[in-house]
Amino acid sequence: MAAKRSGPGLQSSAGLMRYYEADKNAVHIQPKTVLIFGAIAGIVVLFLSAVNGFWP
């Protein structure tokens, strides 16, 4: 009889589990928050450029 061999699937599965467990502890930011922050930063830069006379 042929002996059962555990293939590399078992090792890669364990690695994925560790990756997703580490992801649970990460800080999550919603995409909407990033877009709003970027828009506000752009408006502030344009405002400061206009106030300091760098407006084209």
PDB file of N, CA and C in Angstrom:
ATOM      1  N   MET A   1       0.808  -1.186   0.000  1.00  0.00           N
ATOM      2  CA  MET A   1       0.000   0.000   0.000  1.00  0.00           C
ATOM      3  C   MET A   1       0.855   1.255   0.000  1.00  0.00           C
ATOM      4  N   ALA A   2       0.354   2.267  -0.637  1.00  0.00           N
ATOM      5  CA  ALA A   2       1.098   3.528  -0.682  1.00  0.00           C
ATOM      6  C   ALA A   2       0.807   4.331   0.585  1.00  0.00           C
ATOM      7  N   ALA A   3       1.846   4.924   1.115  1.00  0.00           N
ATOM      8  CA  ALA A   3       1.682   5.740   2.322  1.00  0.00           C
ATOM      9  C   ALA A   3       1.106   7.099   1.949  1.00  0.00           C
ATOM     10  N   LYS A   4       0.277   7.631   2.818  1.00  0.00           N
ATOM     11  CA  LYS A   4      -0.292   8.964   2.560  1.00  0.00           C
ATOM     12  C   LYS A   4       0.770  10.022   2.827  1.00  0.00           C
ATOM     13  N   ARG A   5       0.829  10.975   1.896  1.00  0.00           N
ATOM     14  CA  ARG A   5       1.775  12.076   2.066  1.00  0.00           C
ATOM     15  C   ARG A   5       0.982  13.353   2.197  1.00  0.00           C
ATOM     16  N   SER A   6       1.378  14.177   3.121  1.00  0.00           N
ATOM     17  CA  SER A   6       0.735  15.489   3.203  1.00  0.00           C
ATOM     18  C   SER A   6       1.521  16.439   2.317  1.00  0.00           C
ATOM     19  N   GLY A   7       0.835  17.029   1.364  1.00  0.00           N
ATOM     20  CA  GLY A   7       1.483  17.900   0.394  1.00  0.00           C
ATOM     21  C   GLY A   7       1.715  19.294   0.944  1.00  0.00           C
ATOM     22  N   PRO A   8       2.177  20.195   0.099  1.00  0.00           N
ATOM     23  CA  PRO A   8       2.471  21.555   0.527  1.00  0.00           C
ATOM     24  C   PRO A   8       1.217  22.359   0.859  1.00  0.00           C
ATOM     25  N   GLY A   9       0.032  21.841   0.532  1.00  0.00           N
ATOM     26  CA  GLY A   9      -1.200  22.557   0.835  1.00  0.00           C
ATOM     27  C   GLY A   9      -1.364  22.816   2.318  1.00  0.00           C
ATOM     28  N   LEU A  10      -0.915  21.884   3.129  1.00  0.00           N
ATOM     29  CA  LEU A  10      -1.042  22.043   4.572  1.00  0.00           C
ATOM     30  C   LEU A  10      -0.155  23.183   5.076  1.00  0.00           C
ATOM     31  N   GLN A  11       1.045  23.298   4.553  1.00  0.00           N
ATOM     32  CA  GLN A  11       1.954  24.349   4.979  1.00  0.00           C
ATOM     33  C   GLN A  11       1.460  25.720   4.525  1.00  0.00           C
ATOM     34  N   SER A  12       0.985  25.816   3.292  1.00  0.00           N
ATOM     35  CA  SER A  12       0.534  27.114   2.806  1.00  0.00           C
ATOM     36  C   SER A  12      -0.743  27.540   3.513  1.00  0.00           C
ATOM     37  N   SER A  13      -1.568  26.588   3.880  1.00  0.00           N
ATOM     38  CA  SER A  13      -2.789  26.915   4.613  1.00  0.00           C
ATOM     39  C   SER A  13      -2.446  27.513   5.972  1.00  0.00           C
ATOM     40  N   ALA A  14      -1.458  26.971   6.634  1.00  0.00           N
ATOM     41  CA  ALA A  14      -1.057  27.486   7.943  1.00  0.00           C
ATOM     42  C   ALA A  14      -0.506  28.906   7.811  1.00  0.00           C
ATOM     43  N   GLY A  15       0.206  29.177   6.737  1.00  0.00           N
ATOM     44  CA  GLY A  15       0.741  30.521   6.525  1.00  0.00           C
ATOM     45  C   GLY A  15      -0.363  31.528   6.296  1.00  0.00           C
ATOM     46  N   LEU A  16      -1.401  31.143   5.560  1.00  0.00           N
ATOM     47  CA  LEU A  16      -2.522  32.050   5.324  1.00  0.00           C
ATOM     48  C   LEU A  16      -3.269  32.340   6.612  1.00  0.00           C
ATOM     49  N   MET A  17      -3.404  31.362   7.445  1.00  0.00           N
ATOM     50  CA  MET A  17      -4.103  31.580   8.712  1.00  0.00           C
ATOM     51  C   MET A  17      -3.333  32.589   9.563  1.00  0.00           C
ATOM     52  N   ARG A  18      -2.036  32.476   9.587  1.00  0.00           N
ATOM     53  CA  ARG A  18      -1.249  33.439  10.366  1.00  0.00           C
ATOM     54  C   ARG A  18      -1.366  34.844   9.783  1.00  0.00           C
ATOM     55  N   TYR A  19      -1.414  34.937   8.450  1.00  0.00           N
ATOM     56  CA  TYR A  19      -1.528  36.249   7.823  1.00  0.00           C
ATOM     57  C   TYR A  19      -2.863  36.897   8.190  1.00  0.00           C
ATOM     58  N   TYR A  20      -3.938  36.151   8.112  1.00  0.00           N
ATOM     59  CA  TYR A  20      -5.243  36.739   8.408  1.00  0.00           C
ATOM     60  C   TYR A  20      -5.422  37.018   9.890  1.00  0.00           C
ATOM     61  N   GLU A  21      -4.797  36.250  10.751  1.00  0.00           N
ATOM     62  CA  GLU A  21      -4.858  36.547  12.180  1.00  0.00           C
ATOM     63  C   GLU A  21      -4.123  37.845  12.481  1.00  0.00           C
ATOM     64  N   ALA A  22      -3.000  38.085  11.822  1.00  0.00           N
ATOM     65  CA  ALA A  22      -2.260  39.330  12.025  1.00  0.00           C
ATOM     66  C   ALA A  22      -3.040  40.512  11.468  1.00  0.00           C
ATOM     67  N   ASP A  23      -3.831  40.289  10.413  1.00  0.00           N
ATOM     68  CA  ASP A  23      -4.609  41.359   9.799  1.00  0.00           C
ATOM     69  C   ASP A  23      -5.732  41.834  10.720  1.00  0.00           C
ATOM     70  N   LYS A  24      -6.209  40.986  11.614  1.00  0.00           N
ATOM     71  CA  LYS A  24      -7.279  41.377  12.535  1.00  0.00           C
ATOM     72  C   LYS A  24      -6.816  42.473  13.486  1.00  0.00           C
ATOM     73  N   ASN A  25      -5.536  42.504  13.815  1.00  0.00           N
ATOM     74  CA  ASN A  25      -5.010  43.485  14.757  1.00  0.00           C
ATOM     75  C   ASN A  25      -4.595  44.789  14.086  1.00  0.00           C
ATOM     76  N   ALA A  26      -4.646  44.856  12.763  1.00  0.00           N
ATOM     77  CA  ALA A  26      -4.193  46.035  12.037  1.00  0.00           C
ATOM     78  C   ALA A  26      -5.223  47.159  12.132  1.00  0.00           C
ATOM     79  N   VAL A  27      -4.757  48.381  11.903  1.00  0.00           N
ATOM     80  CA  VAL A  27      -5.640  49.541  11.879  1.00  0.00           C
ATOM     81  C   VAL A  27      -6.311  49.590  10.515  1.00  0.00           C
ATOM     82  N   HIS A  28      -7.635  49.690  10.496  1.00  0.00           N
ATOM     83  CA  HIS A  28      -8.380  49.722   9.243  1.00  0.00           C
ATOM     84  C   HIS A  28      -8.959  51.116   9.042  1.00  0.00           C
ATOM     85  N   ILE A  29      -8.735  51.682   7.860  1.00  0.00           N
ATOM     86  CA  ILE A  29      -9.249  53.001   7.508  1.00  0.00           C
ATOM     87  C   ILE A  29     -10.149  52.822   6.299  1.00  0.00           C
ATOM     88  N   GLN A  30     -11.326  53.400   6.351  1.00  0.00           N
ATOM     89  CA  GLN A  30     -12.259  53.289   5.240  1.00  0.00           C
ATOM     90  C   GLN A  30     -11.777  54.135   4.068  1.00  0.00           C
ATOM     91  N   PRO A  31     -12.032  53.693   2.836  1.00  0.00           N
ATOM     92  CA  PRO A  31     -11.620  54.466   1.658  1.00  0.00           C
ATOM     93  C   PRO A  31     -12.244  55.858   1.624  1.00  0.00           C
ATOM     94  N   LYS A  32     -13.449  56.000   2.120  1.00  0.00           N
ATOM     95  CA  LYS A  32     -14.113  57.307   2.146  1.00  0.00           C
ATOM     96  C   LYS A  32     -13.328  58.289   3.012  1.00  0.00           C
ATOM     97  N   THR A  33     -12.774  57.817   4.114  1.00  0.00           N
ATOM     98  CA  THR A  33     -11.984  58.671   5.003  1.00  0.00           C
ATOM     99  C   THR A  33     -10.731  59.165   4.297  1.00  0.00           C
ATOM    100  N   VAL A  34     -10.076  58.304   3.540  1.00  0.00           N
ATOM    101  CA  VAL A  34      -8.863  58.692   2.819  1.00  0.00           C
ATOM    102  C   VAL A  34      -9.190  59.735   1.750  1.00  0.00           C
ATOM    103  N   LEU A  35     -10.293  59.548   1.025  1.00  0.00           N
ATOM    104  CA  LEU A  35     -10.684  60.515  -0.009  1.00  0.00           C
ATOM    105  C   LEU A  35     -11.023  61.869   0.595  1.00  0.00           C
ATOM    106  N   ILE A  36     -11.747  61.872   1.698  1.00  0.00           N
ATOM    107  CA  ILE A  36     -12.108  63.139   2.347  1.00  0.00           C
ATOM    108  C   ILE A  36     -10.860  63.854   2.851  1.00  0.00           C
ATOM    109  N   PHE A  37      -9.947  63.119   3.472  1.00  0.00           N
ATOM    110  CA  PHE A  37      -8.708  63.725   3.970  1.00  0.00           C
ATOM    111  C   PHE A  37      -7.884  64.299   2.816  1.00  0.00           C
ATOM    112  N   GLY A  38      -7.812  63.580   1.705  1.00  0.00           N
ATOM    113  CA  GLY A  38      -7.067  64.073   0.543  1.00  0.00           C
ATOM    114  C   GLY A  38      -7.691  65.325  -0.047  1.00  0.00           C
ATOM    115  N   ALA A  39      -9.031  65.367  -0.118  1.00  0.00           N
ATOM    116  CA  ALA A  39      -9.712  66.555  -0.643  1.00  0.00           C
ATOM    117  C   ALA A  39      -9.484  67.755   0.259  1.00  0.00           C
ATOM    118  N   ILE A  40      -9.574  67.544   1.562  1.00  0.00           N
ATOM    119  CA  ILE A  40      -9.345  68.647   2.510  1.00  0.00           C
ATOM    120  C   ILE A  40      -7.903  69.135   2.413  1.00  0.00           C
ATOM    121  N   ALA A  41      -6.945  68.216   2.312  1.00  0.00           N
ATOM    122  CA  ALA A  41      -5.542  68.615   2.186  1.00  0.00           C
ATOM    123  C   ALA A  41      -5.319  69.409   0.904  1.00  0.00           C
ATOM    124  N   GLY A  42      -5.949  68.998  -0.200  1.00  0.00           N
ATOM    125  CA  GLY A  42      -5.824  69.736  -1.463  1.00  0.00           C
ATOM    126  C   GLY A  42      -6.405  71.132  -1.373  1.00  0.00           C
ATOM    127  N   ILE A  43      -7.553  71.268  -0.721  1.00  0.00           N
ATOM    128  CA  ILE A  43      -8.181  72.583  -0.555  1.00  0.00           C
ATOM    129  C   ILE A  43      -7.308  73.482   0.304  1.00  0.00           C
ATOM    130  N   VAL A  44      -6.735  72.931   1.346  1.00  0.00           N
ATOM    131  CA  VAL A  44      -5.847  73.726   2.214  1.00  0.00           C
ATOM    132  C   VAL A  44      -4.620  74.204   1.430  1.00  0.00           C
ATOM    133  N   VAL A  45      -4.037  73.353   0.615  1.00  0.00           N
ATOM    134  CA  VAL A  45      -2.865  73.737  -0.187  1.00  0.00           C
ATOM    135  C   VAL A  45      -3.239  74.836  -1.172  1.00  0.00           C
ATOM    136  N   LEU A  46      -4.381  74.697  -1.854  1.00  0.00           N
ATOM    137  CA  LEU A  46      -4.813  75.736  -2.785  1.00  0.00           C
ATOM    138  C   LEU A  46      -5.093  77.052  -2.065  1.00  0.00           C
ATOM    139  N   PHE A  47      -5.710  76.980  -0.906  1.00  0.00           N
ATOM    140  CA  PHE A  47      -6.002  78.191  -0.135  1.00  0.00           C
ATOM    141  C   PHE A  47      -4.713  78.886   0.289  1.00  0.00           C
ATOM    142  N   LEU A  48      -3.766  78.116   0.810  1.00  0.00           N
ATOM    143  CA  LEU A  48      -2.503  78.722   1.242  1.00  0.00           C
ATOM    144  C   LEU A  48      -1.724  79.285   0.056  1.00  0.00           C
ATOM    145  N   SER A  49      -1.787  78.648  -1.095  1.00  0.00           N
ATOM    146  CA  SER A  49      -1.120  79.176  -2.284  1.00  0.00           C
ATOM    147  C   SER A  49      -1.752  80.491  -2.720  1.00  0.00           C
ATOM    148  N   ALA A  50      -3.064  80.571  -2.651  1.00  0.00           N
ATOM    149  CA  ALA A  50      -3.768  81.801  -3.055  1.00  0.00           C
ATOM    150  C   ALA A  50      -3.469  82.939  -2.071  1.00  0.00           C
ATOM    151  N   VAL A  51      -3.412  82.622  -0.792  1.00  0.00           N
ATOM    152  CA  VAL A  51      -3.166  83.649   0.221  1.00  0.00           C
ATOM    153  C   VAL A  51      -1.740  84.190   0.118  1.00  0.00           C
ATOM    154  N   ASN A  52      -0.798  83.350  -0.199  1.00  0.00           N
ATOM    155  CA  ASN A  52       0.612  83.768  -0.255  1.00  0.00           C
ATOM    156  C   ASN A  52       1.005  84.314  -1.626  1.00  0.00           C
ATOM    157  N   GLY A  53       0.098  84.436  -2.551  1.00  0.00           N
ATOM    158  CA  GLY A  53       0.389  85.037  -3.851  1.00  0.00           C
ATOM    159  C   GLY A  53       0.991  84.088  -4.861  1.00  0.00           C
ATOM    160  N   PHE A  54       0.910  82.792  -4.638  1.00  0.00           N
ATOM    161  CA  PHE A  54       1.476  81.839  -5.588  1.00  0.00           C
ATOM    162  C   PHE A  54       0.442  81.334  -6.578  1.00  0.00           C
ATOM    163  N   TRP A  55      -0.720  81.940  -6.581  1.00  0.00           N
ATOM    164  CA  TRP A  55      -1.803  81.520  -7.491  1.00  0.00           C
ATOM    165  C   TRP A  55      -1.443  81.946  -8.896  1.00  0.00           C
ATOM    166  N   PRO A  56      -1.589  81.080  -9.850  1.00  0.00           N
ATOM    167  CA  PRO A  56      -1.185  81.443 -11.229  1.00  0.00           C
ATOM    168  C   PRO A  56      -2.044  82.495 -11.869  1.00  0.00           C
TER     169      PRO A  56
END
